[in-house]
C-alpha atoms as a PDB file:
ATOM      1  CA  UNK A   1     -52.505 -17.477 -25.542  1.00  0.00           C
ATOM      2  CA  UNK A   2     -49.591 -19.830 -24.995  1.00  0.00           C
ATOM      3  CA  UNK A   3     -47.790 -19.404 -21.671  1.00  0.00           C
ATOM      4  CA  UNK A   4     -44.048 -18.838 -21.873  1.00  0.00           C
ATOM      5  CA  UNK A   5     -41.843 -21.563 -20.349  1.00  0.00           C
ATOM      6  CA  UNK A   6     -41.336 -20.877 -16.657  1.00  0.00           C
ATOM      7  CA  UNK A   7     -37.961 -19.443 -15.644  1.00  0.00           C
ATOM      8  CA  UNK A   8     -36.691 -19.845 -12.084  1.00  0.00           C
ATOM      9  CA  UNK A   9     -34.492 -17.009 -10.859  1.00  0.00           C
ATOM     10  CA  UNK A  10     -32.186 -18.312  -8.126  1.00  0.00           C
ATOM     11  CA  UNK A  11     -30.333 -15.647  -6.154  1.00  0.00           C
ATOM     12  CA  UNK A  12     -27.668 -16.534  -3.590  1.00  0.00           C
ATOM     13  CA  UNK A  13     -26.455 -13.992  -1.038  1.00  0.00           C
ATOM     14  CA  UNK A  14     -24.184 -13.789   1.967  1.00  0.00           C
ATOM     15  CA  UNK A  15     -23.297 -10.660   3.940  1.00  0.00           C
ATOM     16  CA  UNK A  16     -23.172  -8.245   0.995  1.00  0.00           C
ATOM     17  CA  UNK A  17     -26.424  -6.358   1.466  1.00  0.00           C
ATOM     18  CA  UNK A  18     -25.489  -3.400  -0.763  1.00  0.00           C
ATOM     19  CA  UNK A  19     -24.809  -5.731  -3.713  1.00  0.00           C
ATOM     20  CA  UNK A  20     -27.706  -8.051  -2.885  1.00  0.00           C
ATOM     21  CA  UNK A  21     -30.247  -5.232  -2.857  1.00  0.00           C
ATOM     22  CA  UNK A  22     -28.937  -3.732  -6.109  1.00  0.00           C
ATOM     23  CA  UNK A  23     -29.219  -7.153  -7.777  1.00  0.00           C
ATOM     24  CA  UNK A  24     -32.747  -7.923  -6.608  1.00  0.00           C
ATOM     25  CA  UNK A  25     -34.176  -4.457  -7.221  1.00  0.00           C
ATOM     26  CA  UNK A  26     -32.609  -4.265 -10.683  1.00  0.00           C
ATOM     27  CA  UNK A  27     -33.856  -7.771 -11.542  1.00  0.00           C
ATOM     28  CA  UNK A  28     -37.384  -6.736 -10.614  1.00  0.00           C
ATOM     29  CA  UNK A  29     -37.123  -3.643 -12.798  1.00  0.00           C
ATOM     30  CA  UNK A  30     -35.280  -5.119 -15.763  1.00  0.00           C
ATOM     31  CA  UNK A  31     -36.751  -8.591 -16.310  1.00  0.00           C
ATOM     32  CA  UNK A  32     -40.022  -8.238 -18.208  1.00  0.00           C
ATOM     33  CA  UNK A  33     -41.246 -11.805 -18.537  1.00  0.00           C
ATOM     34  CA  UNK A  34     -44.629 -13.375 -17.875  1.00  0.00           C
ATOM     35  CA  UNK A  35     -43.747 -16.631 -16.104  1.00  0.00           C
ATOM     36  CA  UNK A  36     -41.153 -16.304 -13.346  1.00  0.00           C
ATOM     37  CA  UNK A  37     -40.399 -18.182 -10.158  1.00  0.00           C
ATOM     38  CA  UNK A  38     -38.189 -16.457  -7.563  1.00  0.00           C
ATOM     39  CA  UNK A  39     -36.012 -18.443  -5.155  1.00  0.00           C
ATOM     40  CA  UNK A  40     -33.783 -16.386  -2.847  1.00  0.00           C
ATOM     41  CA  UNK A  41     -31.226 -18.148  -0.671  1.00  0.00           C
ATOM     42  CA  UNK A  42     -29.363 -16.356   2.118  1.00  0.00           C
ATOM     43  CA  UNK A  43     -26.362 -18.047   3.705  1.00  0.00           C
ATOM     44  CA  UNK A  44     -26.927 -17.054   7.362  1.00  0.00           C
ATOM     45  CA  UNK A  45     -26.087 -13.377   6.876  1.00  0.00           C
ATOM     46  CA  UNK A  46     -25.499 -11.348  10.043  1.00  0.00           C
ATOM     47  CA  UNK A  47     -24.789  -8.046   8.306  1.00  0.00           C
ATOM     48  CA  UNK A  48     -26.828  -5.186   9.742  1.00  0.00           C
ATOM     49  CA  UNK A  49     -29.993  -4.585   7.736  1.00  0.00           C
ATOM     50  CA  UNK A  50     -30.019  -7.910   5.874  1.00  0.00           C
ATOM     51  CA  UNK A  51     -32.740  -9.566   7.965  1.00  0.00           C
ATOM     52  CA  UNK A  52     -34.945  -6.495   7.651  1.00  0.00           C
ATOM     53  CA  UNK A  53     -34.494  -6.359   3.874  1.00  0.00           C
ATOM     54  CA  UNK A  54     -35.256 -10.071   3.448  1.00  0.00           C
ATOM     55  CA  UNK A  55     -38.622  -9.521   5.148  1.00  0.00           C
ATOM     56  CA  UNK A  56     -39.600  -7.005   2.450  1.00  0.00           C
ATOM     57  CA  UNK A  57     -39.306  -9.564  -0.381  1.00  0.00           C
ATOM     58  CA  UNK A  58     -42.990 -10.485  -0.467  1.00  0.00           C
ATOM     59  CA  UNK A  59     -42.892 -11.376  -4.170  1.00  0.00           C
ATOM     60  CA  UNK A  60     -40.399 -14.221  -3.614  1.00  0.00           C
ATOM     61  CA  UNK A  61     -41.891 -17.700  -4.075  1.00  0.00           C
ATOM     62  CA  UNK A  62     -39.348 -19.437  -1.842  1.00  0.00           C
ATOM     63  CA  UNK A  63     -37.130 -17.555   0.623  1.00  0.00           C
ATOM     64  CA  UNK A  64     -34.541 -19.816   2.210  1.00  0.00           C
ATOM     65  CA  UNK A  65     -32.519 -18.427   5.111  1.00  0.00           C
ATOM     66  CA  UNK A  66     -29.764 -20.710   6.284  1.00  0.00           C
ATOM     67  CA  UNK A  67     -29.418 -20.629  10.090  1.00  0.00           C
ATOM     68  CA  UNK A  68     -25.698 -21.385  10.347  1.00  0.00           C
ATOM     69  CA  UNK A  69     -22.677 -20.722   8.182  1.00  0.00           C
ATOM     70  CA  UNK A  70     -20.696 -23.540   6.578  1.00  0.00           C
ATOM     71  CA  UNK A  71     -18.225 -21.759   4.269  1.00  0.00           C
ATOM     72  CA  UNK A  72     -16.810 -24.881   2.603  1.00  0.00           C
ATOM     73  CA  UNK A  73     -20.162 -26.095   1.280  1.00  0.00           C
ATOM     74  CA  UNK A  74     -22.796 -23.386   1.703  1.00  0.00           C
ATOM     75  CA  UNK A  75     -22.566 -21.936  -1.818  1.00  0.00           C
ATOM     76  CA  UNK A  76     -22.877 -25.250  -3.631  1.00  0.00           C
ATOM     77  CA  UNK A  77     -25.525 -26.431  -1.147  1.00  0.00           C
ATOM     78  CA  UNK A  78     -27.569 -23.368  -2.066  1.00  0.00           C
ATOM     79  CA  UNK A  79     -27.235 -24.099  -5.786  1.00  0.00           C
ATOM     80  CA  UNK A  80     -28.199 -27.745  -5.288  1.00  0.00           C
ATOM     81  CA  UNK A  81     -31.263 -26.800  -3.271  1.00  0.00           C
ATOM     82  CA  UNK A  82     -32.355 -24.270  -5.875  1.00  0.00           C
ATOM     83  CA  UNK A  83     -32.093 -26.913  -8.622  1.00  0.00           C
ATOM     84  CA  UNK A  84     -34.067 -29.371  -6.501  1.00  0.00           C
ATOM     85  CA  UNK A  85     -36.795 -26.872  -5.656  1.00  0.00           C
ATOM     86  CA  UNK A  86     -37.077 -25.178  -9.054  1.00  0.00           C
ATOM     87  CA  UNK A  87     -40.313 -25.715 -10.959  1.00  0.00           C
ATOM     88  CA  UNK A  88     -39.108 -23.678 -13.927  1.00  0.00           C
ATOM     89  CA  UNK A  89     -37.886 -25.241 -17.162  1.00  0.00           C
ATOM     90  CA  UNK A  90     -34.917 -22.871 -17.003  1.00  0.00           C
ATOM     91  CA  UNK A  91     -32.814 -21.542 -14.132  1.00  0.00           C
ATOM     92  CA  UNK A  92     -31.057 -18.199 -13.930  1.00  0.00           C
ATOM     93  CA  UNK A  93     -28.356 -18.349 -11.246  1.00  0.00           C
ATOM     94  CA  UNK A  94     -27.262 -14.961  -9.918  1.00  0.00           C
ATOM     95  CA  UNK A  95     -24.785 -14.312  -7.091  1.00  0.00           C
ATOM     96  CA  UNK A  96     -25.018 -11.127  -5.068  1.00  0.00           C
ATOM     97  CA  UNK A  97     -22.238  -9.273  -6.883  1.00  0.00           C
ATOM     98  CA  UNK A  98     -24.008  -8.529 -10.164  1.00  0.00           C
ATOM     99  CA  UNK A  99     -26.579  -5.984 -11.258  1.00  0.00           C
ATOM    100  CA  UNK A 100     -29.025  -6.022 -14.144  1.00  0.00           C
ATOM    101  CA  UNK A 101     -28.714  -3.012 -16.447  1.00  0.00           C
ATOM    102  CA  UNK A 102     -30.934  -3.858 -19.448  1.00  0.00           C
ATOM    103  CA  UNK A 103     -34.679  -3.316 -19.096  1.00  0.00           C
ATOM    104  CA  UNK A 104     -36.984  -5.033 -21.544  1.00  0.00           C
ATOM    105  CA  UNK A 105     -38.287  -8.322 -22.897  1.00  0.00           C
ATOM    106  CA  UNK A 106     -34.867  -9.797 -23.641  1.00  0.00           C
ATOM    107  CA  UNK A 107     -35.562 -12.941 -21.587  1.00  0.00           C
ATOM    108  CA  UNK A 108     -38.236 -14.025 -24.090  1.00  0.00           C
ATOM    109  CA  UNK A 109     -35.528 -14.111 -26.777  1.00  0.00           C
ATOM    110  CA  UNK A 110     -33.077 -15.993 -24.562  1.00  0.00           C
ATOM    111  CA  UNK A 111     -35.691 -18.680 -23.898  1.00  0.00           C
ATOM    112  CA  UNK A 112     -36.742 -18.769 -27.560  1.00  0.00           C
ATOM    113  CA  UNK A 113     -33.113 -19.406 -28.536  1.00  0.00           C
ATOM    114  CA  UNK A 114     -32.869 -22.389 -26.179  1.00  0.00           C
ATOM    115  CA  UNK A 115     -36.297 -23.723 -27.166  1.00  0.00           C
ATOM    116  CA  UNK A 116     -35.436 -23.735 -30.878  1.00  0.00           C
ATOM    117  CA  UNK A 117     -31.787 -24.863 -30.770  1.00  0.00           C
ATOM    118  CA  UNK A 118     -31.068 -28.207 -29.135  1.00  0.00           C
ATOM    119  CA  UNK A 119     -27.343 -27.450 -28.764  1.00  0.00           C
ATOM    120  CA  UNK A 120     -27.819 -24.378 -26.588  1.00  0.00           C
ATOM    121  CA  UNK A 121     -26.196 -24.902 -23.194  1.00  0.00           C
ATOM    122  CA  UNK A 122     -25.627 -22.013 -20.806  1.00  0.00           C
ATOM    123  CA  UNK A 123     -26.535 -18.565 -22.126  1.00  0.00           C
ATOM    124  CA  UNK A 124     -24.328 -15.892 -20.595  1.00  0.00           C
ATOM    125  CA  UNK A 125     -26.079 -12.956 -18.926  1.00  0.00           C
ATOM    126  CA  UNK A 126     -23.037 -11.078 -17.692  1.00  0.00           C
ATOM    127  CA  UNK A 127     -21.104  -8.562 -19.821  1.00  0.00           C
ATOM    128  CA  UNK A 128     -17.508  -9.475 -20.694  1.00  0.00           C
ATOM    129  CA  UNK A 129     -14.563  -7.070 -20.702  1.00  0.00           C
ATOM    130  CA  UNK A 130     -12.850  -5.994 -23.932  1.00  0.00           C
ATOM    131  CA  UNK A 131      -9.825  -8.160 -23.160  1.00  0.00           C
ATOM    132  CA  UNK A 132     -11.956 -11.244 -22.457  1.00  0.00           C
ATOM    133  CA  UNK A 133     -13.863 -10.864 -25.721  1.00  0.00           C
ATOM    134  CA  UNK A 134     -10.601 -10.524 -27.612  1.00  0.00           C
ATOM    135  CA  UNK A 135      -9.217 -13.658 -25.952  1.00  0.00           C
ATOM    136  CA  UNK A 136     -12.113 -15.872 -27.048  1.00  0.00           C
ATOM    137  CA  UNK A 137     -13.279 -14.332 -30.305  1.00  0.00           C
ATOM    138  CA  UNK A 138     -10.527 -12.351 -32.013  1.00  0.00           C
ATOM    139  CA  UNK A 139      -8.260 -15.172 -33.093  1.00  0.00           C
ATOM    140  CA  UNK A 140      -5.118 -14.798 -35.147  1.00  0.00           C
ATOM    141  CA  UNK A 141      -4.957 -16.161 -38.683  1.00  0.00           C
ATOM    142  CA  UNK A 142      -2.764 -19.044 -37.479  1.00  0.00           C
ATOM    143  CA  UNK A 143      -5.276 -19.918 -34.753  1.00  0.00           C
ATOM    144  CA  UNK A 144      -8.142 -19.881 -37.233  1.00  0.00           C
ATOM    145  CA  UNK A 145      -6.271 -22.316 -39.478  1.00  0.00           C
ATOM    146  CA  UNK A 146      -4.772 -24.648 -36.874  1.00  0.00           C
ATOM    147  CA  UNK A 147      -7.428 -24.471 -34.145  1.00  0.00           C
ATOM    148  CA  UNK A 148     -10.739 -23.381 -35.664  1.00  0.00           C
ATOM    149  CA  UNK A 149     -13.109 -22.260 -32.918  1.00  0.00           C
ATOM    150  CA  UNK A 150     -16.274 -23.427 -34.729  1.00  0.00           C
ATOM    151  CA  UNK A 151     -18.197 -20.447 -33.400  1.00  0.00           C
ATOM    152  CA  UNK A 152     -21.799 -20.297 -34.608  1.00  0.00           C
ATOM    153  CA  UNK A 153     -23.964 -17.190 -34.906  1.00  0.00           C
ATOM    154  CA  UNK A 154     -27.607 -17.379 -33.819  1.00  0.00           C
ATOM    155  CA  UNK A 155     -30.605 -15.077 -34.211  1.00  0.00           C
ATOM    156  CA  UNK A 156     -34.117 -15.106 -32.762  1.00  0.00           C
ATOM    157  CA  UNK A 157     -37.297 -14.030 -34.542  1.00  0.00           C
ATOM    158  CA  UNK A 158     -37.032 -10.511 -33.115  1.00  0.00           C
ATOM    159  CA  UNK A 159     -33.579 -10.122 -34.673  1.00  0.00           C
ATOM    160  CA  UNK A 160     -31.597 -10.440 -31.435  1.00  0.00           C
ATOM    161  CA  UNK A 161     -28.068 -11.696 -32.132  1.00  0.00           C
ATOM    162  CA  UNK A 162     -26.020 -14.327 -30.275  1.00  0.00           C
ATOM    163  CA  UNK A 163     -22.773 -16.183 -30.884  1.00  0.00           C
ATOM    164  CA  UNK A 164     -21.552 -19.512 -29.518  1.00  0.00           C
ATOM    165  CA  UNK A 165     -18.151 -19.996 -27.904  1.00  0.00           C
ATOM    166  CA  UNK A 166     -17.697 -23.161 -29.946  1.00  0.00           C
ATOM    167  CA  UNK A 167     -14.813 -25.289 -28.729  1.00  0.00           C
ATOM    168  CA  UNK A 168     -13.172 -22.461 -26.747  1.00  0.00           C
ATOM    169  CA  UNK A 169     -15.416 -23.063 -23.708  1.00  0.00           C
ATOM    170  CA  UNK A 170     -17.460 -25.921 -22.284  1.00  0.00           C
ATOM    171  CA  UNK A 171     -21.109 -25.866 -23.324  1.00  0.00           C
ATOM    172  CA  UNK A 172     -22.240 -25.186 -19.760  1.00  0.00           C
ATOM    173  CA  UNK A 173     -20.842 -22.760 -17.223  1.00  0.00           C
ATOM    174  CA  UNK A 174     -19.710 -25.171 -14.483  1.00  0.00           C
ATOM    175  CA  UNK A 175     -20.107 -22.448 -11.854  1.00  0.00           C
ATOM    176  CA  UNK A 176     -23.616 -21.686 -13.217  1.00  0.00           C
ATOM    177  CA  UNK A 177     -23.577 -18.077 -11.992  1.00  0.00           C
ATOM    178  CA  UNK A 178     -24.589 -15.317 -14.361  1.00  0.00           C
ATOM    179  CA  UNK A 179     -26.217 -17.691 -16.865  1.00  0.00           C
ATOM    180  CA  UNK A 180     -29.546 -19.204 -17.840  1.00  0.00           C
ATOM    181  CA  UNK A 181     -29.577 -22.966 -18.469  1.00  0.00           C
ATOM    182  CA  UNK A 182     -32.230 -25.654 -18.846  1.00  0.00           C
ATOM    183  CA  UNK A 183     -33.074 -27.138 -15.470  1.00  0.00           C
ATOM    184  CA  UNK A 184     -32.974 -30.618 -17.002  1.00  0.00           C
ATOM    185  CA  UNK A 185     -29.279 -30.162 -17.853  1.00  0.00           C
ATOM    186  CA  UNK A 186     -28.334 -29.466 -14.242  1.00  0.00           C
ATOM    187  CA  UNK A 187     -30.439 -32.364 -13.022  1.00  0.00           C
ATOM    188  CA  UNK A 188     -28.845 -34.743 -15.504  1.00  0.00           C
ATOM    189  CA  UNK A 189     -25.342 -33.651 -14.490  1.00  0.00           C
ATOM    190  CA  UNK A 190     -26.121 -34.005 -10.780  1.00  0.00           C
ATOM    191  CA  UNK A 191     -25.228 -32.050  -7.659  1.00  0.00           C
ATOM    192  CA  UNK A 192     -22.255 -29.789  -7.203  1.00  0.00           C
ATOM    193  CA  UNK A 193     -19.979 -31.422  -4.647  1.00  0.00           C
ATOM    194  CA  UNK A 194     -17.109 -29.981  -2.628  1.00  0.00           C
ATOM    195  CA  UNK A 195     -13.732 -31.690  -2.875  1.00  0.00           C
ATOM    196  CA  UNK A 196     -11.958 -29.442  -0.382  1.00  0.00           C
ATOM    197  CA  UNK A 197     -12.192 -26.394   1.823  1.00  0.00           C
ATOM    198  CA  UNK A 198     -13.261 -22.994   0.594  1.00  0.00           C
ATOM    199  CA  UNK A 199     -10.256 -20.944  -0.512  1.00  0.00           C
ATOM    200  CA  UNK A 200      -9.673 -17.299  -1.259  1.00  0.00           C
ATOM    201  CA  UNK A 201     -10.025 -17.962  -4.995  1.00  0.00           C
ATOM    202  CA  UNK A 202     -12.789 -20.588  -4.957  1.00  0.00           C
ATOM    203  CA  UNK A 203     -15.983 -20.262  -2.935  1.00  0.00           C
ATOM    204  CA  UNK A 204     -17.222 -23.687  -4.080  1.00  0.00           C
ATOM    205  CA  UNK A 205     -14.451 -25.811  -2.587  1.00  0.00           C
ATOM    206  CA  UNK A 206     -13.767 -27.495  -5.938  1.00  0.00           C
ATOM    207  CA  UNK A 207     -17.412 -27.910  -6.901  1.00  0.00           C
ATOM    208  CA  UNK A 208     -16.915 -26.113 -10.200  1.00  0.00           C
ATOM    209  CA  UNK A 209     -14.150 -28.504 -11.307  1.00  0.00           C
ATOM    210  CA  UNK A 210     -16.245 -31.544 -10.464  1.00  0.00           C
ATOM    211  CA  UNK A 211     -19.196 -30.268 -12.505  1.00  0.00           C
ATOM    212  CA  UNK A 212     -16.936 -29.626 -15.483  1.00  0.00           C
ATOM    213  CA  UNK A 213     -15.531 -33.162 -15.354  1.00  0.00           C
ATOM    214  CA  UNK A 214     -19.038 -34.641 -15.271  1.00  0.00           C
ATOM    215  CA  UNK A 215     -20.037 -32.493 -18.236  1.00  0.00           C
ATOM    216  CA  UNK A 216     -17.160 -33.777 -20.376  1.00  0.00           C
ATOM    217  CA  UNK A 217     -17.925 -37.363 -19.366  1.00  0.00           C
ATOM    218  CA  UNK A 218     -21.656 -36.966 -20.085  1.00  0.00           C
ATOM    219  CA  UNK A 219     -21.240 -36.793 -23.842  1.00  0.00           C
ATOM    220  CA  UNK A 220     -23.442 -33.682 -24.020  1.00  0.00           C
ATOM    221  CA  UNK A 221     -22.738 -31.684 -27.165  1.00  0.00           C
ATOM    222  CA  UNK A 222     -23.728 -28.165 -26.144  1.00  0.00           C
ATOM    223  CA  UNK A 223     -22.679 -24.654 -27.080  1.00  0.00           C
ATOM    224  CA  UNK A 224     -22.220 -21.892 -24.514  1.00  0.00           C
ATOM    225  CA  UNK A 225     -23.859 -18.760 -25.890  1.00  0.00           C
ATOM    226  CA  UNK A 226     -23.027 -15.062 -25.634  1.00  0.00           C
ATOM    227  CA  UNK A 227     -25.663 -12.433 -26.565  1.00  0.00           C
ATOM    228  CA  UNK A 228     -24.647  -9.373 -28.551  1.00  0.00           C
ATOM    229  CA  UNK A 229     -26.104  -7.359 -25.667  1.00  0.00           C
ATOM    230  CA  UNK A 230     -25.951  -8.924 -22.207  1.00  0.00           C
ATOM    231  CA  UNK A 231     -28.471  -7.818 -19.557  1.00  0.00           C
ATOM    232  CA  UNK A 232     -26.211  -7.708 -16.463  1.00  0.00           C
ATOM    233  CA  UNK A 233     -22.785  -6.575 -15.279  1.00  0.00           C
ATOM    234  CA  UNK A 234     -20.515  -7.472 -12.384  1.00  0.00           C
ATOM    235  CA  UNK A 235     -20.218  -4.911  -9.609  1.00  0.00           C
ATOM    236  CA  UNK A 236     -16.706  -3.461  -9.439  1.00  0.00           C
ATOM    237  CA  UNK A 237     -16.903  -0.428  -7.170  1.00  0.00           C
ATOM    238  CA  UNK A 238     -13.907   0.813  -5.225  1.00  0.00           C
ATOM    239  CA  UNK A 239     -10.404   2.255  -5.617  1.00  0.00           C
ATOM    240  CA  UNK A 240      -9.093  -0.824  -7.469  1.00  0.00           C
ATOM    241  CA  UNK A 241     -12.377  -1.690  -9.205  1.00  0.00           C
ATOM    242  CA  UNK A 242     -12.959  -3.771  -6.092  1.00  0.00           C
ATOM    243  CA  UNK A 243     -15.521  -6.512  -5.734  1.00  0.00           C
ATOM    244  CA  UNK A 244     -15.899  -7.308  -2.053  1.00  0.00           C
ATOM    245  CA  UNK A 245     -16.029 -11.041  -1.299  1.00  0.00           C
ATOM    246  CA  UNK A 246     -16.894 -13.054   1.781  1.00  0.00           C
ATOM    247  CA  UNK A 247     -14.781 -15.810   3.229  1.00  0.00           C
ATOM    248  CA  UNK A 248     -15.809 -17.056   6.643  1.00  0.00           C
ATOM    249  CA  UNK A 249     -16.506 -14.069   8.891  1.00  0.00           C
ATOM    250  CA  UNK A 250     -14.288 -11.770   6.814  1.00  0.00           C
ATOM    251  CA  UNK A 251     -15.301  -9.478   3.992  1.00  0.00           C
ATOM    252  CA  UNK A 252     -12.318  -8.746   1.785  1.00  0.00           C
ATOM    253  CA  UNK A 253     -11.534  -5.764  -0.464  1.00  0.00           C
ATOM    254  CA  UNK A 254     -13.383  -2.456  -0.625  1.00  0.00           C
ATOM    255  CA  UNK A 255     -17.101  -2.806   0.147  1.00  0.00           C
ATOM    256  CA  UNK A 256     -18.769   0.310  -1.188  1.00  0.00           C
ATOM    257  CA  UNK A 257     -22.457   1.151  -1.077  1.00  0.00           C
ATOM    258  CA  UNK A 258     -24.037   2.700  -4.179  1.00  0.00           C
ATOM    259  CA  UNK A 259     -23.059   6.381  -3.917  1.00  0.00           C
ATOM    260  CA  UNK A 260     -26.413   7.595  -5.256  1.00  0.00           C
ATOM    261  CA  UNK A 261     -29.608   5.639  -4.663  1.00  0.00           C
ATOM    262  CA  UNK A 262     -29.928   1.852  -4.870  1.00  0.00           C
ATOM    263  CA  UNK A 263     -28.010   1.024  -8.065  1.00  0.00           C
ATOM    264  CA  UNK A 264     -24.328   1.018  -8.995  1.00  0.00           C
ATOM    265  CA  UNK A 265     -24.974   1.248 -12.744  1.00  0.00           C
ATOM    266  CA  UNK A 266     -27.539   2.996 -14.914  1.00  0.00           C
ATOM    267  CA  UNK A 267     -30.554   1.034 -16.114  1.00  0.00           C
ATOM    268  CA  UNK A 268     -30.741   1.143 -19.909  1.00  0.00           C
ATOM    269  CA  UNK A 269     -33.803   0.648 -22.085  1.00  0.00           C
ATOM    270  CA  UNK A 270     -33.547  -1.712 -25.063  1.00  0.00           C
ATOM    271  CA  UNK A 271     -33.793   1.299 -27.388  1.00  0.00           C
ATOM    272  CA  UNK A 272     -30.712   2.819 -25.736  1.00  0.00           C
ATOM    273  CA  UNK A 273     -28.495  -0.020 -26.955  1.00  0.00           C
ATOM    274  CA  UNK A 274     -30.384  -1.379 -29.982  1.00  0.00           C
ATOM    275  CA  UNK A 275     -27.721  -0.049 -32.357  1.00  0.00           C
ATOM    276  CA  UNK A 276     -25.275  -2.530 -30.818  1.00  0.00           C
ATOM    277  CA  UNK A 277     -27.378  -5.633 -31.485  1.00  0.00           C
ATOM    278  CA  UNK A 278     -25.310  -6.559 -34.532  1.00  0.00           C
ATOM    279  CA  UNK A 279     -21.936  -5.980 -32.871  1.00  0.00           C
ATOM    280  CA  UNK A 280     -19.572  -8.963 -32.915  1.00  0.00           C
ATOM    281  CA  UNK A 281     -19.243 -10.741 -30.640  1.00  0.00           C
ATOM    282  CA  UNK A 282     -20.840  -8.709 -27.835  1.00  0.00           C
ATOM    283  CA  UNK A 283     -21.088  -5.228 -26.349  1.00  0.00           C
ATOM    284  CA  UNK A 284     -18.180  -5.016 -23.898  1.00  0.00           C
ATOM    285  CA  UNK A 285     -18.541  -4.409 -20.176  1.00  0.00           C
ATOM    286  CA  UNK A 286     -16.790  -1.064 -20.548  1.00  0.00           C
ATOM    287  CA  UNK A 287     -19.575   0.167 -22.849  1.00  0.00           C
ATOM    288  CA  UNK A 288     -22.532  -1.371 -21.033  1.00  0.00           C
ATOM    289  CA  UNK A 289     -21.627  -0.581 -17.418  1.00  0.00           C
ATOM    290  CA  UNK A 290     -22.356   3.105 -16.757  1.00  0.00           C
ATOM    291  CA  UNK A 291     -21.380   3.837 -13.113  1.00  0.00           C
ATOM    292  CA  UNK A 292     -23.577   6.121 -11.005  1.00  0.00           C
ATOM    293  CA  UNK A 293     -21.605   8.481  -8.780  1.00  0.00           C
ATOM    294  CA  UNK A 294     -18.210   6.784  -9.090  1.00  0.00           C
ATOM    295  CA  UNK A 295     -15.564   6.046 -11.715  1.00  0.00           C
ATOM    296  CA  UNK A 296     -13.960   2.803 -12.723  1.00  0.00           C
ATOM    297  CA  UNK A 297     -10.242   2.628 -13.443  1.00  0.00           C
ATOM    298  CA  UNK A 298      -9.476   2.385 -17.140  1.00  0.00           C
ATOM    299  CA  UNK A 299      -6.214   2.181 -19.048  1.00  0.00           C
ATOM    300  CA  UNK A 300      -5.177   4.446 -21.912  1.00  0.00           C
ATOM    301  CA  UNK A 301      -7.261   2.526 -24.457  1.00  0.00           C
ATOM    302  CA  UNK A 302     -10.399   2.348 -22.301  1.00  0.00           C
ATOM    303  CA  UNK A 303     -10.018  -1.206 -21.050  1.00  0.00           C
ATOM    304  CA  UNK A 304     -11.070  -1.640 -17.449  1.00  0.00           C
ATOM    305  CA  UNK A 305      -8.191  -2.550 -15.161  1.00  0.00           C
ATOM    306  CA  UNK A 306      -8.911  -6.122 -14.092  1.00  0.00           C
ATOM    307  CA  UNK A 307      -9.547  -6.774 -10.431  1.00  0.00           C
ATOM    308  CA  UNK A 308      -8.228  -9.978  -8.921  1.00  0.00           C
ATOM    309  CA  UNK A 309      -8.268 -11.452  -5.451  1.00  0.00           C
ATOM    310  CA  UNK A 310      -4.857 -11.055  -3.829  1.00  0.00           C
ATOM    311  CA  UNK A 311      -3.278 -12.579  -0.708  1.00  0.00           C
ATOM    312  CA  UNK A 312      -2.810  -9.088   0.741  1.00  0.00           C
ATOM    313  CA  UNK A 313      -6.449  -8.003   0.301  1.00  0.00           C
ATOM    314  CA  UNK A 314      -7.572  -6.039   3.312  1.00  0.00           C
ATOM    315  CA  UNK A 315     -10.579  -7.362   5.191  1.00  0.00           C
ATOM    316  CA  UNK A 316     -13.052  -6.400   7.849  1.00  0.00           C
ATOM    317  CA  UNK A 317     -14.866  -8.601  10.339  1.00  0.00           C
ATOM    318  CA  UNK A 318     -18.513  -8.959   9.393  1.00  0.00           C
ATOM    319  CA  UNK A 319     -19.643  -9.595  12.943  1.00  0.00           C
ATOM    320  CA  UNK A 320     -17.353  -9.735  15.993  1.00  0.00           C
ATOM    321  CA  UNK A 321     -19.446 -12.357  17.785  1.00  0.00           C
ATOM    322  CA  UNK A 322     -19.188 -14.937  15.000  1.00  0.00           C
ATOM    323  CA  UNK A 323     -16.192 -17.217  15.451  1.00  0.00           C
ATOM    324  CA  UNK A 324     -14.769 -20.371  13.947  1.00  0.00           C
ATOM    325  CA  UNK A 325     -15.377 -19.429  10.332  1.00  0.00           C
ATOM    326  CA  UNK A 326     -11.831 -19.090   9.035  1.00  0.00           C
ATOM    327  CA  UNK A 327     -10.786 -20.444   5.643  1.00  0.00           C
ATOM    328  CA  UNK A 328      -7.888 -22.754   4.991  1.00  0.00           C
END
């Protein structure tokens, strides 16, 4: 029996234990694949309970615990180290603010798609909101005539549907998070590098922009791909659909633990969503994310109110003894 191509799952966390645990536990439950490598990277978390939880991850192939914080470069350093250490032919990059919600053998189809289509770049794992899908896929007649998106539909042997973003997005996700991409692509494009200090909006210090520039200069002709049914969702849990984020020794916005158990969102079986496999372009976040014990803010037409980082976001100190970790 032929072994499936190895997939490296790289998870990066920092002082968001509630999110981190929901991501890892849901990944273990949802990803049914026969050839995985797990690399977990913690950026010197001091949050209570994190060290204890890390010690329980016996299944992890490579657990990297950074000893000291370096906010300007730690996120991209973690990604670079994961790429360097990965022995998988593909890498899934997941930050600690997402949760898997689809249980099944979907990863076999994602890999099959990339193995059989040379133009496949980054395959998106994370569900998109109604408004985001409309922005990239529901073009006006004028747009279709003057700026054709060249969006290609794909299908694997099992019948799973995908669509490419065409020329509306770069073929790779320059931030890498929430996608699966061939390891060789990241190695050809080279390391993420920081061009400035970490900011409230950008945890990579400009690393994302640099990767995008190198992609356009590389001459790679790739297509970023969106599945009809994505296997993960972002965690937005709080009064404003908050997603707590860490900058230095501060954790901004509402940081809510799962109200019931270990997950924020219900785990769905493939059969629960199979009727949506032919939906175009993709099942929206609002349909896929089923909160457990809390509600998300929606408008009158059932679009989730977007959450954005704001200068007036409230914050709490992660640890009072940690100093000198302010952002510019």
